[in-house]
Amino acid sequence: MATADLSAPALTGIRRLSALDTVRARIALAVELGLLKPGERLPSNGEIARALDVAEITVRRALESLAEDGLIERRRGRGGGTLVSENPPAERVREVGAYRESAAEVRELIDHRLVLEAGLVQLVATREPDVEHLRGLVARMDTAAGWAEFHELDAQFHRAVAESGPPVAVGQYEVVLAELYRFYLPYPMAKLRESNREHARLVDALADGDPDAAARVTREHVGGLHRTMFVGLG
């Protein structure tokens, strides 16, 4: 299976965008796909910055420009904040095209992640992972207030699962995970809660020391990315 060339990536797709433009594209694509609904309030600039791994000033500037494009509204006073416009214009943000161009790379990265993660969890299940820490992360994701907080916890969870694996494999996994997170889009909490049930099943398999069950849950969880988390790039 061919894998993404992570050592010398070409400046294609999202790689040619600035950090500001990637924020614009990710939020605009989520609005176009209906993942962010009209009237929905966005998290704080700081939360968005952490979720999308950019500076807070980058988020502020991106949101200001999206407001000029008419995709979002900035309201003052009680009940105010940053909200998706009631009638956001379609295909206004040209940077979205760079994400759509990256569809093949996303699929390749998902497959690469699946191979690495399925192997890692099988090994981890035969060792002594910190199950209580993992259960705590699952519980926190269940009560996360929004997609930004959930995404932070999700990243912590998957890295915590892998950390007791072989260092070389963990290092490769970290690179692939970081690359995939560059494509992360805001997603409805109902879908994220559903994915968290798979997290809980994985922790149960690890607690039982069952490598086959751990790999099976991982295949379901990561394979689901082809159908759900990156649906806008298909």
C-alpha atoms as a PDB file:
ATOM      1  CA  MET A   1       0.000   0.000   0.000  1.00  0.00           C
ATOM      2  CA  ALA A   2       1.352   3.411  -0.922  1.00  0.00           C
ATOM      3  CA  THR A   3       1.647   5.856   1.949  1.00  0.00           C
ATOM      4  CA  ALA A   4       1.782   9.622   2.047  1.00  0.00           C
ATOM      5  CA  ASP A   5       5.263  11.090   1.611  1.00  0.00           C
ATOM      6  CA  LEU A   6       5.488  12.795   4.970  1.00  0.00           C
ATOM      7  CA  SER A   7       9.152  13.773   4.681  1.00  0.00           C
ATOM      8  CA  ALA A   8       8.917  16.112   1.690  1.00  0.00           C
ATOM      9  CA  PRO A   9       5.301  17.047   1.037  1.00  0.00           C
ATOM     10  CA  ALA A  10       4.477  18.889  -2.172  1.00  0.00           C
ATOM     11  CA  LEU A  11       2.845  22.278  -1.879  1.00  0.00           C
ATOM     12  CA  THR A  12      -0.508  21.032  -3.111  1.00  0.00           C
ATOM     13  CA  GLY A  13      -3.975  21.095  -1.590  1.00  0.00           C
ATOM     14  CA  ILE A  14      -4.003  22.566   1.895  1.00  0.00           C
ATOM     15  CA  ARG A  15      -0.201  22.648   2.082  1.00  0.00           C
ATOM     16  CA  ARG A  16      -0.169  25.748  -0.067  1.00  0.00           C
ATOM     17  CA  LEU A  17      -2.499  27.621   2.313  1.00  0.00           C
ATOM     18  CA  SER A  18      -1.441  29.918   5.108  1.00  0.00           C
ATOM     19  CA  ALA A  19      -2.567  29.150   8.668  1.00  0.00           C
ATOM     20  CA  LEU A  20      -5.217  31.872   8.375  1.00  0.00           C
ATOM     21  CA  ASP A  21      -6.566  30.412   5.139  1.00  0.00           C
ATOM     22  CA  THR A  22      -6.760  26.894   6.588  1.00  0.00           C
ATOM     23  CA  VAL A  23      -8.971  28.201   9.405  1.00  0.00           C
ATOM     24  CA  ARG A  24     -11.167  29.956   6.858  1.00  0.00           C
ATOM     25  CA  ALA A  25     -11.412  26.796   4.763  1.00  0.00           C
ATOM     26  CA  ARG A  26     -12.149  24.435   7.651  1.00  0.00           C
ATOM     27  CA  ILE A  27     -14.934  26.557   9.105  1.00  0.00           C
ATOM     28  CA  ALA A  28     -16.384  27.410   5.687  1.00  0.00           C
ATOM     29  CA  LEU A  29     -16.405  23.758   4.597  1.00  0.00           C
ATOM     30  CA  ALA A  30     -18.111  22.761   7.847  1.00  0.00           C
ATOM     31  CA  VAL A  31     -20.793  25.384   7.162  1.00  0.00           C
ATOM     32  CA  GLU A  32     -21.210  24.245   3.534  1.00  0.00           C
ATOM     33  CA  LEU A  33     -21.642  20.627   4.646  1.00  0.00           C
ATOM     34  CA  GLY A  34     -24.137  21.545   7.356  1.00  0.00           C
ATOM     35  CA  LEU A  35     -21.793  20.363  10.118  1.00  0.00           C
ATOM     36  CA  LEU A  36     -22.090  23.858  11.569  1.00  0.00           C
ATOM     37  CA  LYS A  37     -25.739  24.912  11.413  1.00  0.00           C
ATOM     38  CA  PRO A  38     -27.177  28.394  10.754  1.00  0.00           C
ATOM     39  CA  GLY A  39     -27.383  30.260  14.038  1.00  0.00           C
ATOM     40  CA  GLU A  40     -24.954  27.907  15.784  1.00  0.00           C
ATOM     41  CA  ARG A  41     -22.605  29.648  18.200  1.00  0.00           C
ATOM     42  CA  LEU A  42     -18.901  29.004  17.683  1.00  0.00           C
ATOM     43  CA  PRO A  43     -16.567  28.330  20.627  1.00  0.00           C
ATOM     44  CA  SER A  44     -14.255  31.027  21.914  1.00  0.00           C
ATOM     45  CA  ASN A  45     -11.282  32.051  19.805  1.00  0.00           C
ATOM     46  CA  GLY A  46      -8.972  30.295  22.253  1.00  0.00           C
ATOM     47  CA  GLU A  47     -10.870  27.012  22.023  1.00  0.00           C
ATOM     48  CA  ILE A  48     -10.907  27.124  18.226  1.00  0.00           C
ATOM     49  CA  ALA A  49      -7.178  27.889  18.201  1.00  0.00           C
ATOM     50  CA  ARG A  50      -6.394  24.842  20.343  1.00  0.00           C
ATOM     51  CA  ALA A  51      -8.673  22.574  18.330  1.00  0.00           C
ATOM     52  CA  LEU A  52      -7.233  23.654  14.976  1.00  0.00           C
ATOM     53  CA  ASP A  53      -3.658  23.995  16.295  1.00  0.00           C
ATOM     54  CA  VAL A  54      -3.140  27.608  15.272  1.00  0.00           C
ATOM     55  CA  ALA A  55      -2.485  30.870  17.091  1.00  0.00           C
ATOM     56  CA  GLU A  56      -5.445  32.682  18.646  1.00  0.00           C
ATOM     57  CA  ILE A  57      -4.709  35.823  16.624  1.00  0.00           C
ATOM     58  CA  THR A  58      -4.957  33.697  13.463  1.00  0.00           C
ATOM     59  CA  VAL A  59      -8.429  32.570  14.503  1.00  0.00           C
ATOM     60  CA  ARG A  60      -9.486  36.135  15.254  1.00  0.00           C
ATOM     61  CA  ARG A  61      -8.357  37.351  11.836  1.00  0.00           C
ATOM     62  CA  ALA A  62      -9.929  34.366  10.068  1.00  0.00           C
ATOM     63  CA  LEU A  63     -13.279  34.959  11.779  1.00  0.00           C
ATOM     64  CA  GLU A  64     -13.163  38.654  10.945  1.00  0.00           C
ATOM     65  CA  SER A  65     -12.681  37.801   7.270  1.00  0.00           C
ATOM     66  CA  LEU A  66     -15.430  35.152   7.348  1.00  0.00           C
ATOM     67  CA  ALA A  67     -17.753  37.775   8.817  1.00  0.00           C
ATOM     68  CA  GLU A  68     -16.900  40.044   5.874  1.00  0.00           C
ATOM     69  CA  ASP A  69     -17.764  37.123   3.562  1.00  0.00           C
ATOM     70  CA  GLY A  70     -21.140  36.775   5.280  1.00  0.00           C
ATOM     71  CA  LEU A  71     -20.616  33.236   6.608  1.00  0.00           C
ATOM     72  CA  ILE A  72     -20.625  34.235  10.256  1.00  0.00           C
ATOM     73  CA  GLU A  73     -21.956  37.087  12.388  1.00  0.00           C
ATOM     74  CA  ARG A  74     -20.367  38.832  15.367  1.00  0.00           C
ATOM     75  CA  ARG A  75     -23.029  39.868  17.903  1.00  0.00           C
ATOM     76  CA  ARG A  76     -22.512  41.985  20.988  1.00  0.00           C
ATOM     77  CA  GLY A  77     -24.191  41.862  24.365  1.00  0.00           C
ATOM     78  CA  ARG A  78     -26.031  39.099  26.194  1.00  0.00           C
ATOM     79  CA  GLY A  79     -26.651  36.153  23.921  1.00  0.00           C
ATOM     80  CA  GLY A  80     -24.023  37.470  21.548  1.00  0.00           C
ATOM     81  CA  GLY A  81     -20.795  35.969  20.318  1.00  0.00           C
ATOM     82  CA  THR A  82     -19.766  34.493  16.993  1.00  0.00           C
ATOM     83  CA  LEU A  83     -22.538  32.616  15.193  1.00  0.00           C
ATOM     84  CA  VAL A  84     -23.026  30.979  11.812  1.00  0.00           C
ATOM     85  CA  SER A  85     -25.128  33.294   9.646  1.00  0.00           C
ATOM     86  CA  GLU A  86     -28.784  32.388   9.205  1.00  0.00           C
ATOM     87  CA  ASN A  87     -28.342  32.390   5.415  1.00  0.00           C
ATOM     88  CA  PRO A  88     -24.651  31.781   4.755  1.00  0.00           C
ATOM     89  CA  PRO A  89     -23.663  32.246   1.102  1.00  0.00           C
ATOM     90  CA  ALA A  90     -22.603  29.083  -0.728  1.00  0.00           C
ATOM     91  CA  GLU A  91     -19.108  28.601  -2.130  1.00  0.00           C
ATOM     92  CA  ARG A  92     -17.973  32.071  -1.091  1.00  0.00           C
ATOM     93  CA  VAL A  93     -14.635  30.947   0.407  1.00  0.00           C
ATOM     94  CA  ARG A  94     -12.259  29.901  -2.358  1.00  0.00           C
ATOM     95  CA  GLU A  95      -9.792  28.228   0.039  1.00  0.00           C
ATOM     96  CA  VAL A  96     -12.264  25.356   0.468  1.00  0.00           C
ATOM     97  CA  GLY A  97     -11.145  24.100  -2.949  1.00  0.00           C
ATOM     98  CA  ALA A  98      -7.706  23.265  -1.545  1.00  0.00           C
ATOM     99  CA  TYR A  99      -9.298  20.892   0.957  1.00  0.00           C
ATOM    100  CA  ARG A 100     -11.308  19.166  -1.750  1.00  0.00           C
ATOM    101  CA  GLU A 101      -8.120  18.719  -3.782  1.00  0.00           C
ATOM    102  CA  SER A 102      -6.608  16.846  -0.840  1.00  0.00           C
ATOM    103  CA  ALA A 103      -9.190  14.011  -0.774  1.00  0.00           C
ATOM    104  CA  ALA A 104      -6.788  11.330  -2.020  1.00  0.00           C
ATOM    105  CA  GLU A 105      -4.169  12.325   0.556  1.00  0.00           C
ATOM    106  CA  VAL A 106      -6.738  12.142   3.341  1.00  0.00           C
ATOM    107  CA  ARG A 107      -7.819   8.620   2.341  1.00  0.00           C
ATOM    108  CA  GLU A 108      -4.176   7.532   2.192  1.00  0.00           C
ATOM    109  CA  LEU A 109      -3.466   8.971   5.624  1.00  0.00           C
ATOM    110  CA  ILE A 110      -6.506   7.217   7.094  1.00  0.00           C
ATOM    111  CA  ASP A 111      -5.309   3.883   5.689  1.00  0.00           C
ATOM    112  CA  HIS A 112      -1.813   4.512   7.051  1.00  0.00           C
ATOM    113  CA  ARG A 113      -3.256   5.347  10.456  1.00  0.00           C
ATOM    114  CA  LEU A 114      -5.398   2.205  10.405  1.00  0.00           C
ATOM    115  CA  VAL A 115      -2.402  -0.074   9.775  1.00  0.00           C
ATOM    116  CA  LEU A 116      -0.340   1.541  12.526  1.00  0.00           C
ATOM    117  CA  GLU A 117      -3.103   1.903  15.112  1.00  0.00           C
ATOM    118  CA  ALA A 118      -4.498  -1.618  14.707  1.00  0.00           C
ATOM    119  CA  GLY A 119      -1.026  -3.059  15.252  1.00  0.00           C
ATOM    120  CA  LEU A 120      -0.307  -0.777  18.191  1.00  0.00           C
ATOM    121  CA  VAL A 121      -3.491  -1.590  20.105  1.00  0.00           C
ATOM    122  CA  GLN A 122      -2.854  -5.317  19.708  1.00  0.00           C
ATOM    123  CA  LEU A 123       0.530  -4.887  21.387  1.00  0.00           C
ATOM    124  CA  VAL A 124      -0.790  -2.475  24.002  1.00  0.00           C
ATOM    125  CA  ALA A 125      -3.519  -4.967  24.972  1.00  0.00           C
ATOM    126  CA  THR A 126      -0.825  -7.477  25.999  1.00  0.00           C
ATOM    127  CA  ARG A 127       0.867  -4.942  28.252  1.00  0.00           C
ATOM    128  CA  GLU A 128      -0.477  -2.824  31.113  1.00  0.00           C
ATOM    129  CA  PRO A 129      -1.968   0.390  29.686  1.00  0.00           C
ATOM    130  CA  ASP A 130      -3.220   3.044  32.088  1.00  0.00           C
ATOM    131  CA  VAL A 131      -6.865   2.018  31.768  1.00  0.00           C
ATOM    132  CA  GLU A 132      -8.109   4.403  34.450  1.00  0.00           C
ATOM    133  CA  HIS A 133      -6.558   7.368  32.666  1.00  0.00           C
ATOM    134  CA  LEU A 134      -8.185   6.277  29.418  1.00  0.00           C
ATOM    135  CA  ARG A 135     -11.578   5.835  31.092  1.00  0.00           C
ATOM    136  CA  GLY A 136     -11.213   9.335  32.530  1.00  0.00           C
ATOM    137  CA  LEU A 137     -10.635  10.788  29.061  1.00  0.00           C
ATOM    138  CA  VAL A 138     -13.682   8.937  27.729  1.00  0.00           C
ATOM    139  CA  ALA A 139     -15.776  10.348  30.585  1.00  0.00           C
ATOM    140  CA  ARG A 140     -14.529  13.875  29.863  1.00  0.00           C
ATOM    141  CA  MET A 141     -15.397  13.501  26.172  1.00  0.00           C
ATOM    142  CA  ASP A 142     -18.908  12.445  27.195  1.00  0.00           C
ATOM    143  CA  THR A 143     -19.365  15.777  28.956  1.00  0.00           C
ATOM    144  CA  ALA A 144     -17.401  17.974  26.531  1.00  0.00           C
ATOM    145  CA  ALA A 145     -19.261  21.210  25.870  1.00  0.00           C
ATOM    146  CA  GLY A 146     -18.451  21.383  22.172  1.00  0.00           C
ATOM    147  CA  TRP A 147     -16.402  20.120  19.266  1.00  0.00           C
ATOM    148  CA  ALA A 148     -13.291  22.109  20.138  1.00  0.00           C
ATOM    149  CA  GLU A 149     -13.013  20.635  23.628  1.00  0.00           C
ATOM    150  CA  PHE A 150     -13.873  17.156  22.329  1.00  0.00           C
ATOM    151  CA  HIS A 151     -11.142  17.306  19.690  1.00  0.00           C
ATOM    152  CA  GLU A 152      -8.495  18.168  22.271  1.00  0.00           C
ATOM    153  CA  LEU A 153      -9.535  15.239  24.437  1.00  0.00           C
ATOM    154  CA  ASP A 154      -9.765  12.885  21.442  1.00  0.00           C
ATOM    155  CA  ALA A 155      -6.168  13.669  20.504  1.00  0.00           C
ATOM    156  CA  GLN A 156      -5.056  13.052  24.103  1.00  0.00           C
ATOM    157  CA  PHE A 157      -6.931   9.740  24.157  1.00  0.00           C
ATOM    158  CA  HIS A 158      -5.401   8.260  21.015  1.00  0.00           C
ATOM    159  CA  ARG A 159      -1.900   9.327  21.992  1.00  0.00           C
ATOM    160  CA  ALA A 160      -2.387   7.868  25.480  1.00  0.00           C
ATOM    161  CA  VAL A 161      -3.506   4.540  23.994  1.00  0.00           C
ATOM    162  CA  ALA A 162      -0.422   4.335  21.790  1.00  0.00           C
ATOM    163  CA  GLU A 163       2.216   5.611  24.200  1.00  0.00           C
ATOM    164  CA  SER A 164       3.095   2.200  25.704  1.00  0.00           C
ATOM    165  CA  GLY A 165       3.778   0.732  22.257  1.00  0.00           C
ATOM    166  CA  PRO A 166       7.204   0.402  20.567  1.00  0.00           C
ATOM    167  CA  PRO A 167       8.816   3.870  20.304  1.00  0.00           C
ATOM    168  CA  VAL A 168       9.510   3.652  16.551  1.00  0.00           C
ATOM    169  CA  ALA A 169       5.911   2.708  15.755  1.00  0.00           C
ATOM    170  CA  VAL A 170       4.577   5.346  18.174  1.00  0.00           C
ATOM    171  CA  GLY A 171       6.707   7.979  16.443  1.00  0.00           C
ATOM    172  CA  GLN A 172       5.333   7.027  13.022  1.00  0.00           C
ATOM    173  CA  TYR A 173       1.811   7.048  14.425  1.00  0.00           C
ATOM    174  CA  GLU A 174       2.291  10.529  15.902  1.00  0.00           C
ATOM    175  CA  VAL A 175       3.350  11.879  12.505  1.00  0.00           C
ATOM    176  CA  VAL A 176       0.340  10.382  10.711  1.00  0.00           C
ATOM    177  CA  LEU A 177      -2.075  11.533  13.426  1.00  0.00           C
ATOM    178  CA  ALA A 178      -0.695  15.076  13.283  1.00  0.00           C
ATOM    179  CA  GLU A 179      -1.095  15.118   9.499  1.00  0.00           C
ATOM    180  CA  LEU A 180      -4.692  13.895   9.722  1.00  0.00           C
ATOM    181  CA  TYR A 181      -5.581  16.476  12.344  1.00  0.00           C
ATOM    182  CA  ARG A 182      -4.629  19.164   9.814  1.00  0.00           C
ATOM    183  CA  PHE A 183      -7.854  18.197   8.030  1.00  0.00           C
ATOM    184  CA  TYR A 184     -10.088  18.093  11.109  1.00  0.00           C
ATOM    185  CA  LEU A 185     -13.456  19.788  10.636  1.00  0.00           C
ATOM    186  CA  PRO A 186     -15.927  20.897  13.315  1.00  0.00           C
ATOM    187  CA  TYR A 187     -18.458  18.093  13.634  1.00  0.00           C
ATOM    188  CA  PRO A 188     -21.882  17.752  15.309  1.00  0.00           C
ATOM    189  CA  MET A 189     -21.649  16.598  18.907  1.00  0.00           C
ATOM    190  CA  ALA A 190     -24.075  13.722  18.300  1.00  0.00           C
ATOM    191  CA  LYS A 191     -21.571  12.146  15.912  1.00  0.00           C
ATOM    192  CA  LEU A 192     -18.695  12.798  18.259  1.00  0.00           C
ATOM    193  CA  ARG A 193     -20.561  11.179  21.165  1.00  0.00           C
ATOM    194  CA  GLU A 194     -21.156   8.172  18.920  1.00  0.00           C
ATOM    195  CA  SER A 195     -17.436   7.897  18.207  1.00  0.00           C
ATOM    196  CA  ASN A 196     -16.781   8.111  21.946  1.00  0.00           C
ATOM    197  CA  ARG A 197     -18.772   4.916  22.475  1.00  0.00           C
ATOM    198  CA  GLU A 198     -16.162   3.225  20.302  1.00  0.00           C
ATOM    199  CA  HIS A 199     -13.457   4.729  22.533  1.00  0.00           C
ATOM    200  CA  ALA A 200     -15.163   3.112  25.521  1.00  0.00           C
ATOM    201  CA  ARG A 201     -15.292  -0.266  23.761  1.00  0.00           C
ATOM    202  CA  LEU A 202     -11.585  -0.011  22.964  1.00  0.00           C
ATOM    203  CA  VAL A 203     -10.755   0.677  26.611  1.00  0.00           C
ATOM    204  CA  ASP A 204     -12.809  -2.369  27.635  1.00  0.00           C
ATOM    205  CA  ALA A 205     -10.828  -4.530  25.198  1.00  0.00           C
ATOM    206  CA  LEU A 206      -7.532  -3.177  26.532  1.00  0.00           C
ATOM    207  CA  ALA A 207      -8.656  -3.739  30.131  1.00  0.00           C
ATOM    208  CA  ASP A 208      -9.557  -7.342  29.245  1.00  0.00           C
ATOM    209  CA  GLY A 209      -6.179  -7.873  27.596  1.00  0.00           C
ATOM    210  CA  ASP A 210      -7.926  -8.884  24.365  1.00  0.00           C
ATOM    211  CA  PRO A 211      -5.735  -7.962  21.346  1.00  0.00           C
ATOM    212  CA  ASP A 212      -8.216  -9.218  18.750  1.00  0.00           C
ATOM    213  CA  ALA A 213     -11.112  -7.215  20.181  1.00  0.00           C
ATOM    214  CA  ALA A 214      -8.903  -4.115  20.449  1.00  0.00           C
ATOM    215  CA  ALA A 215      -7.887  -4.393  16.792  1.00  0.00           C
ATOM    216  CA  ARG A 216     -11.490  -5.021  15.713  1.00  0.00           C
ATOM    217  CA  VAL A 217     -12.789  -1.906  17.476  1.00  0.00           C
ATOM    218  CA  THR A 218      -9.925   0.121  16.022  1.00  0.00           C
ATOM    219  CA  ARG A 219     -10.716  -1.047  12.493  1.00  0.00           C
ATOM    220  CA  GLU A 220     -14.342   0.034  12.972  1.00  0.00           C
ATOM    221  CA  HIS A 221     -13.376   3.362  14.522  1.00  0.00           C
ATOM    222  CA  VAL A 222     -10.673   4.439  12.089  1.00  0.00           C
ATOM    223  CA  GLY A 223     -12.461   2.918   9.102  1.00  0.00           C
ATOM    224  CA  GLY A 224     -15.438   5.098   9.936  1.00  0.00           C
ATOM    225  CA  LEU A 225     -13.369   8.166   9.051  1.00  0.00           C
ATOM    226  CA  HIS A 226     -13.749   7.253   5.395  1.00  0.00           C
ATOM    227  CA  ARG A 227     -17.510   7.647   5.756  1.00  0.00           C
ATOM    228  CA  THR A 228     -17.915  10.399   8.325  1.00  0.00           C
ATOM    229  CA  MET A 229     -15.214  12.699   9.647  1.00  0.00           C
ATOM    230  CA  PHE A 230     -13.862  13.617   6.216  1.00  0.00           C
ATOM    231  CA  VAL A 231     -17.087  13.265   4.272  1.00  0.00           C
ATOM    232  CA  GLY A 232     -16.612  16.675   2.690  1.00  0.00           C
ATOM    233  CA  LEU A 233     -13.475  15.578   0.903  1.00  0.00           C
ATOM    234  CA  GLY A 234     -14.931  12.522  -0.780  1.00  0.00           C
END
